[in-house]
Protein backbone atom coordinates (compact mmCIF):
# COMPACT_ATOMS: atom_id res chain seq x y z
CA UNK A 1 77.80 110.81 124.71
CA UNK A 2 76.79 109.79 121.18
CA UNK A 3 77.50 112.49 118.58
CA UNK A 4 74.79 111.41 116.14
CA UNK A 5 71.13 110.46 116.12
CA UNK A 6 71.24 108.67 112.78
CA UNK A 7 74.15 107.09 110.98
CA UNK A 8 74.73 106.86 107.23
CA UNK A 9 73.22 103.86 105.43
CA UNK A 10 75.77 101.08 105.09
CA UNK A 11 77.98 102.44 107.86
CA UNK A 12 79.37 100.82 111.01
CA UNK A 13 79.30 103.88 113.26
CA UNK A 14 79.28 102.79 116.88
CA UNK A 15 80.39 99.21 116.18
CA UNK A 16 83.61 99.73 118.11
CA UNK A 17 82.19 102.26 120.56
CA UNK A 18 80.80 105.77 120.35
CA UNK A 19 84.25 107.33 120.78
CA UNK A 20 86.21 104.98 118.53
CA UNK A 21 88.85 106.52 116.25
CA UNK A 22 90.56 103.37 114.94
CA UNK A 23 87.73 101.86 112.91
CA UNK A 24 88.36 98.47 111.35
CA UNK A 25 91.98 98.44 112.52
CA UNK A 26 90.38 97.22 115.75
CA UNK A 27 90.11 93.91 113.91
CA UNK A 28 93.89 93.71 113.63
CA UNK A 29 94.29 91.98 116.96
CA UNK A 30 97.17 90.14 118.57
CA UNK A 31 95.95 87.02 116.78
CA UNK A 32 96.14 88.79 113.40
CA UNK A 33 99.70 89.90 114.14
CA UNK A 34 100.59 86.31 114.93
CA UNK A 35 98.96 85.19 111.69
CA UNK A 36 101.11 87.71 109.84
CA UNK A 37 104.24 86.56 111.63
CA UNK A 38 103.41 82.96 110.70
CA UNK A 39 103.66 83.96 107.01
CA UNK A 40 107.37 84.71 107.43
CA UNK A 41 109.11 81.68 105.95
CA UNK A 42 112.18 83.08 104.17
CA UNK A 43 113.08 86.21 106.14
CA UNK A 44 112.99 88.33 102.96
CA UNK A 45 111.75 91.92 103.27
CA UNK A 46 110.38 94.23 100.60
CA UNK A 47 110.21 98.01 100.85
CA UNK A 48 106.71 99.04 99.72
CA UNK A 49 107.36 102.78 99.43
CA UNK A 50 108.16 104.86 96.41
CA UNK A 51 110.97 107.38 96.88
CA UNK A 52 109.04 110.19 98.56
CA UNK A 53 110.04 112.71 95.87
CA UNK A 54 107.96 110.72 93.35
CA UNK A 55 105.81 111.20 91.28
CA UNK A 56 107.63 114.54 90.79
CA UNK A 57 106.17 117.97 90.18
CA UNK A 58 102.50 118.54 90.87
CA UNK A 59 100.89 117.46 87.60
CA UNK A 60 99.12 114.53 89.26
CA UNK A 61 97.58 116.77 91.91
CA UNK A 62 98.14 120.54 91.69
CA UNK A 63 97.58 120.94 95.44
CA UNK A 64 100.36 118.55 96.39
CA UNK A 65 104.02 119.36 95.96
CA UNK A 66 107.25 117.37 96.26
CA UNK A 67 109.23 117.59 99.48
CA UNK A 68 111.62 120.47 100.03
CA UNK A 69 114.74 119.62 102.02
CA UNK A 70 117.18 122.21 103.36
CA UNK A 71 119.84 122.56 106.01
CA UNK A 72 118.98 123.91 109.42
CA UNK A 73 120.58 127.22 110.34
CA UNK A 74 123.12 127.61 113.10
CA UNK A 75 122.48 130.44 115.55
CA UNK A 76 118.79 130.42 114.53
CA UNK A 77 119.24 133.43 112.27
CA UNK A 78 118.25 133.79 108.63
CA UNK A 79 121.75 135.04 107.91
CA UNK A 80 123.40 132.31 109.95
CA UNK A 81 125.54 129.50 108.63
CA UNK A 82 124.03 126.38 107.15
CA UNK A 83 124.25 123.46 109.54
CA UNK A 84 125.46 121.02 106.89
CA UNK A 85 129.01 119.66 106.64
CA UNK A 86 129.65 122.18 109.38
CA UNK A 87 132.95 121.76 111.22
CA UNK A 88 132.52 122.64 114.88
CA UNK A 89 136.13 123.80 114.80
CA UNK A 90 134.77 127.05 113.35
CA UNK A 91 133.22 127.66 116.75
CA UNK A 92 135.74 125.83 118.90
CA UNK A 93 139.13 124.78 117.46
CA UNK A 94 139.38 121.96 120.02
CA UNK A 95 136.42 120.08 118.47
CA UNK A 96 136.72 117.62 115.58
CA UNK A 97 133.01 116.97 114.95
CA UNK A 98 131.40 117.76 111.60
CA UNK A 99 127.60 118.13 111.70
CA UNK A 100 124.86 117.81 109.08
CA UNK A 101 121.25 118.52 110.02
CA UNK A 102 118.26 119.22 107.80
CA UNK A 103 114.59 120.13 107.70
CA UNK A 104 111.83 119.04 105.30
CA UNK A 105 108.61 120.66 104.17
CA UNK A 106 106.35 117.73 103.30
CA UNK A 107 102.99 117.46 101.64
CA UNK A 108 101.90 114.52 103.72
CA UNK A 109 99.92 112.77 100.96
CA UNK A 110 102.23 113.48 98.03
CA UNK A 111 103.70 110.01 97.54
CA UNK A 112 103.33 106.66 99.33
CA UNK A 113 100.81 107.47 102.03
CA UNK A 114 98.05 106.62 104.45
CA UNK A 115 94.69 108.41 104.56
CA UNK A 116 93.23 108.94 108.02
CA UNK A 117 89.49 109.13 108.67
CA UNK A 118 89.92 112.89 108.94
CA UNK A 119 90.79 113.02 105.22
CA UNK A 120 87.26 112.57 103.85
CA UNK A 121 83.98 113.45 105.54
CA UNK A 122 80.54 114.18 104.20
CA UNK A 123 77.62 116.57 104.41
CA UNK A 124 75.16 114.30 106.19
CA UNK A 125 72.18 114.80 108.49
CA UNK A 126 73.64 113.16 111.57
CA UNK A 127 71.34 115.11 113.92
CA UNK A 128 68.17 113.90 112.20
CA UNK A 129 66.80 117.41 111.90
CA UNK A 130 66.71 117.60 108.11
CA UNK A 131 69.90 119.69 107.87
CA UNK A 132 73.21 118.32 106.61
CA UNK A 133 76.21 118.88 108.85
CA UNK A 134 79.87 118.39 107.94
CA UNK A 135 80.74 115.19 109.76
CA UNK A 136 83.41 112.53 109.68
CA UNK A 137 83.67 108.89 110.75
CA UNK A 138 81.67 108.09 113.88
CA UNK A 139 80.03 111.51 113.84
CA UNK A 140 83.05 113.69 114.65
CA UNK A 141 82.32 117.27 113.63
CA UNK A 142 83.94 120.01 111.59
CA UNK A 143 84.50 123.09 113.71
CA UNK A 144 84.51 121.07 116.92
CA UNK A 145 86.76 118.06 116.37
CA UNK A 146 88.19 119.08 113.00
CA UNK A 147 89.54 122.62 113.17
CA UNK A 148 90.32 124.70 110.06
CA UNK A 149 92.98 127.39 110.38
CA UNK A 150 92.57 131.07 111.00
CA UNK A 151 93.71 132.51 107.67
CA UNK A 152 96.99 134.46 107.74
CA UNK A 153 96.68 136.56 104.61
CA UNK A 154 100.21 138.01 104.70
CA UNK A 155 101.98 134.68 105.19
CA UNK A 156 103.82 132.51 102.72
CA UNK A 157 101.33 130.35 100.76
CA UNK A 158 102.30 127.17 102.60
CA UNK A 159 101.83 128.89 105.98
CA UNK A 160 98.66 130.80 105.18
CA UNK A 161 96.45 128.11 106.65
CA UNK A 162 98.83 126.99 109.37
CA UNK A 163 97.02 125.75 112.45
CA UNK A 164 94.62 123.23 110.92
CA UNK A 165 94.24 120.27 113.22
CA UNK A 166 92.30 117.05 113.49
CA UNK A 167 91.66 116.90 117.22
CA UNK A 168 89.88 113.64 116.47
CA UNK A 169 90.64 110.98 113.86
CA UNK A 170 94.22 112.18 113.25
CA UNK A 171 96.73 109.82 111.69
CA UNK A 172 98.45 109.26 115.05
CA UNK A 173 95.64 106.84 115.94
CA UNK A 174 96.83 104.46 113.24
CA UNK A 175 100.46 104.93 114.26
CA UNK A 176 99.66 104.12 117.89
CA UNK A 177 97.90 100.93 116.82
CA UNK A 178 101.10 99.84 115.08
CA UNK A 179 99.62 99.03 111.66
CA UNK A 180 101.11 95.57 111.65
CA UNK A 181 99.32 92.37 110.72
CA UNK A 182 98.69 89.92 107.92
CA UNK A 183 98.82 91.40 104.44
CA UNK A 184 97.02 89.85 101.48
CA UNK A 185 97.91 90.84 97.91
CA UNK A 186 95.46 90.81 94.98
CA UNK A 187 97.35 90.98 91.68
CA UNK A 188 95.08 92.98 89.35
CA UNK A 189 98.02 93.72 87.05
CA UNK A 190 98.40 90.03 86.22
CA UNK A 191 94.80 89.86 85.01
CA UNK A 192 94.30 93.27 83.40
CA UNK A 193 97.79 94.62 82.66
CA UNK A 194 97.84 98.38 82.27
CA UNK A 195 94.34 98.58 80.86
CA UNK A 196 92.54 101.59 82.30
CA UNK A 197 89.35 100.25 83.82
CA UNK A 198 87.27 100.36 86.95
CA UNK A 199 87.28 96.81 88.30
CA UNK A 200 83.85 95.58 89.38
CA UNK A 201 83.03 93.27 92.24
CA UNK A 202 82.58 90.32 89.87
CA UNK A 203 85.93 90.98 88.19
CA UNK A 204 87.70 91.33 91.52
CA UNK A 205 86.25 88.10 92.87
CA UNK A 206 87.08 86.25 89.63
CA UNK A 207 90.71 87.40 89.83
CA UNK A 208 90.90 86.33 93.47
CA UNK A 209 89.40 82.92 92.66
CA UNK A 210 91.87 82.29 89.84
CA UNK A 211 94.78 83.11 92.13
CA UNK A 212 93.42 81.33 95.21
CA UNK A 213 93.21 84.53 97.25
CA UNK A 214 91.01 84.54 100.34
CA UNK A 215 90.41 87.65 102.44
CA UNK A 216 89.55 87.06 106.08
CA UNK A 217 88.46 89.31 108.92
CA UNK A 218 91.24 91.67 109.96
CA UNK A 219 93.41 91.19 106.85
CA UNK A 220 95.24 94.19 105.37
CA UNK A 221 94.45 94.02 101.65
CA UNK A 222 96.83 95.29 98.96
CA UNK A 223 95.96 95.78 95.27
CA UNK A 224 98.79 95.66 92.71
CA UNK A 225 97.81 97.47 89.50
CA UNK A 226 101.18 98.54 88.03
CA UNK A 227 100.44 102.26 88.45
CA UNK A 228 103.51 102.89 90.61
CA UNK A 229 105.65 101.32 87.89
CA UNK A 230 104.36 103.92 85.43
CA UNK A 231 105.20 106.68 87.90
CA UNK A 232 108.78 105.43 88.24
CA UNK A 233 109.17 105.13 84.46
CA UNK A 234 108.36 108.83 84.10
CA UNK A 235 111.43 109.74 86.19
CA UNK A 236 109.78 112.59 88.13
CA UNK A 237 108.32 114.19 84.99
CA UNK A 238 104.77 112.84 85.18
CA UNK A 239 102.36 113.06 82.27
CA UNK A 240 99.07 113.72 84.05
CA UNK A 241 96.96 112.76 81.05
CA UNK A 242 98.67 109.39 80.73
CA UNK A 243 98.55 108.73 84.45
CA UNK A 244 94.80 109.34 84.51
CA UNK A 245 94.34 106.88 81.64
CA UNK A 246 96.42 103.92 82.77
CA UNK A 247 96.02 100.86 84.98
CA UNK A 248 93.10 99.63 87.00
CA UNK A 249 91.38 100.77 90.15
CA UNK A 250 88.27 99.66 91.97
CA UNK A 251 84.83 100.71 90.76
CA UNK A 252 83.55 102.78 93.67
CA UNK A 253 80.12 103.04 92.05
CA UNK A 254 79.62 99.29 92.15
CA UNK A 255 77.36 98.85 95.17
CA UNK A 256 78.13 95.14 95.29
CA UNK A 257 81.83 95.93 95.56
CA UNK A 258 81.20 98.29 98.48
CA UNK A 259 79.09 95.62 100.13
CA UNK A 260 81.91 93.10 99.65
CA UNK A 261 84.39 95.47 101.27
CA UNK A 262 82.13 95.67 104.30
CA UNK A 263 81.28 91.97 104.43
CA UNK A 264 84.86 90.75 103.91
CA UNK A 265 86.01 92.16 107.24
CA UNK A 266 89.18 93.60 105.70
CA UNK A 267 90.88 96.04 108.05
CA UNK A 268 92.34 98.44 105.49
CA UNK A 269 92.55 98.79 101.73
CA UNK A 270 95.82 99.63 99.99
CA UNK A 271 96.80 100.13 96.34
CA UNK A 272 99.76 101.23 94.27
CA UNK A 273 97.56 103.65 92.34
CA UNK A 274 96.51 107.22 92.98
CA UNK A 275 93.21 106.76 94.82
CA UNK A 276 92.50 102.99 95.14
CA UNK A 277 89.33 103.65 93.14
CA UNK A 278 88.98 105.05 89.64
CA UNK A 279 87.51 108.50 90.25
CA UNK A 280 84.39 108.79 88.05
CA UNK A 281 84.38 111.52 85.41
CA UNK A 282 80.65 111.42 84.67
CA UNK A 283 77.59 111.58 86.86
CA UNK A 284 75.70 108.31 87.10
CA UNK A 285 73.84 108.61 90.39
CA UNK A 286 71.22 111.03 91.69
CA UNK A 287 72.44 114.22 93.28
CA UNK A 288 73.73 114.84 95.87
CA UNK A 289 76.36 112.13 95.83
CA UNK A 290 80.04 111.59 96.60
CA UNK A 291 82.67 112.33 93.98
CA UNK A 292 84.74 109.46 95.42
CA UNK A 293 82.21 106.85 96.59
CA UNK A 294 84.79 104.30 97.72
CA UNK A 295 86.54 106.94 99.83
CA UNK A 296 83.17 107.85 101.34
CA UNK A 297 82.33 104.22 102.02
CA UNK A 298 85.70 103.39 103.58
CA UNK A 299 86.88 106.52 105.39
CA UNK A 300 83.59 108.19 106.28
CA UNK A 301 81.16 105.32 106.73
CA UNK A 302 83.17 102.32 107.86
CA UNK A 303 86.48 103.42 109.34
CA UNK A 304 88.66 101.64 106.79
CA UNK A 305 92.03 103.31 106.24
CA UNK A 306 93.18 103.72 102.65
CA UNK A 307 96.79 103.44 101.51
CA UNK A 308 97.72 104.98 98.17
CA UNK A 309 100.67 104.94 95.76
CA UNK A 310 102.48 102.10 97.49
CA UNK A 311 105.22 100.26 95.61
CA UNK A 312 104.09 96.64 95.36
CA UNK A 313 105.89 95.41 92.24
CA UNK A 314 108.75 93.34 93.67
CA UNK A 315 106.53 91.86 96.36
CA UNK A 316 103.84 90.92 93.81
CA UNK A 317 106.37 89.24 91.52
CA UNK A 318 107.92 87.27 94.36
CA UNK A 319 104.57 86.15 95.72
CA UNK A 320 103.37 84.99 92.28
CA UNK A 321 106.57 83.11 91.55
CA UNK A 322 106.22 81.31 94.89
CA UNK A 323 102.45 80.79 94.59
CA UNK A 324 101.73 82.83 97.68
CA UNK A 325 99.62 85.88 98.43
CA UNK A 326 100.02 86.44 102.19
CA UNK A 327 102.80 88.09 104.17
CA UNK A 328 103.62 90.06 107.30
CA UNK A 329 102.87 93.73 106.71
CA UNK A 330 104.38 96.42 108.93
CA UNK A 331 103.25 99.89 107.90
CA UNK A 332 102.99 102.55 110.62
CA UNK A 333 102.49 106.15 109.51
CA UNK A 334 104.23 109.07 111.19
CA UNK A 335 102.98 109.61 114.73
CA UNK A 336 102.07 113.19 113.89
CA UNK A 337 99.15 114.34 116.09
CA UNK A 338 96.39 116.18 114.27
CA UNK A 339 97.47 115.29 110.71
CA UNK A 340 94.96 113.92 108.21
CA UNK A 341 97.47 111.81 106.27
CA UNK A 342 101.03 110.62 106.42
CA UNK A 343 103.86 109.31 104.26
CA UNK A 344 104.81 105.74 105.02
CA UNK A 345 107.65 103.33 104.40
CA UNK A 346 105.82 99.99 104.67
CA UNK A 347 107.71 96.71 104.86
CA UNK A 348 106.45 93.31 103.73
CA UNK A 349 108.23 90.24 105.08
CA UNK A 350 107.79 86.79 103.56
C-alpha cells in the first residue's frame, strides 16, 4: 500500500517500489561491483576513515561526543573487577588465560560516518490534504515507522531518550546491501585549496572536466576537500570557528547542482567535510525551506546516502599522481538495526 498521495517535487519516491528502503543504492548492481573490481590494478588499499575519536571534543557539534571506551565488569556487578588484563587464575589457579574485554558508548555520527535516510526527513504534505506531516524517504512516517523514545527523566543524559528506533530506513539496509562498488573521486582540493566556498554546479563540472572525471549511473562519488586534514592537524582540539570557515563543500542552494545529482545517476555522495554541503548561514529562499537543502534533496527526496568526514587524502594523492580517479570502494556501515547513522571504516582498493 502506497504511503503517500503526492511526492515532493524533484523526488524519486516509488522509483524502486513503494516499500523500497535502499534508494539509489539499488543502482549498485552486480555489474557495478564488477566495474569496481576491474579498477583494481595494483592491489593497494587505502583506509578512508579518520580515527573515530576525531575531531575531538564536541566543538564541531555540541550534540555529538567522542567515544567512551571502558572495560566490561566481571560478575556483572558495579563493584566487580574490571575485565581487562584479568588473569583467570584469580578465579581458577589451573587456568593461564588473561582476558581483556571492553565496551564503547558511541555517538554514531561523530566521526567518519554514513547517514541513513532516517537521518533527515521533512514536514511535507504527503497526504495531499493541505497539512504537512513529518515524513521521510518514500513516505515513511514519524510516529509509525520512526519511533521517538519515551522520555526517562531520571536517567543519565545519554539514556534519557533510550528506545528511539527507525523501524524503517535504518542504517542496516545499507549494510545488508554491502556498500561495495565503483568509487569515483572528485578532487576539489586541487582546484580550490582550503578556500571556504560553496561550490556551484558550474564549478564542479569544470573541475571534473579538467581532471577527466566522468560519473556514471551507480557510481559512488567521493569529494576531497582537505577538511579532514584540518581536523587531524588540530590534534583533537578543534577550533570550531576555523572549521566552519575552511575548505569547500557543495552549494546545496544551487538548483542546477541538485538537478545534476539526480541526473548523474550517482548512487551515493561522500565527502571528507562535515556535511558534504556548506550549510547556509543566511536565508535566500522563501519560507518554509530546508536548512540543509542538499541533505533534503539526497536523503529525503531521492534516497541518496551521504557519507561525511571520510579521510580521502592519501587516496586522492595517489590517484592524481597516477592520473586516475576510479577505484573499488568497500564501505559497509555497522549492521545496527534501527540506527539512523553509523561509523564506517571504508576501504579503497586501486
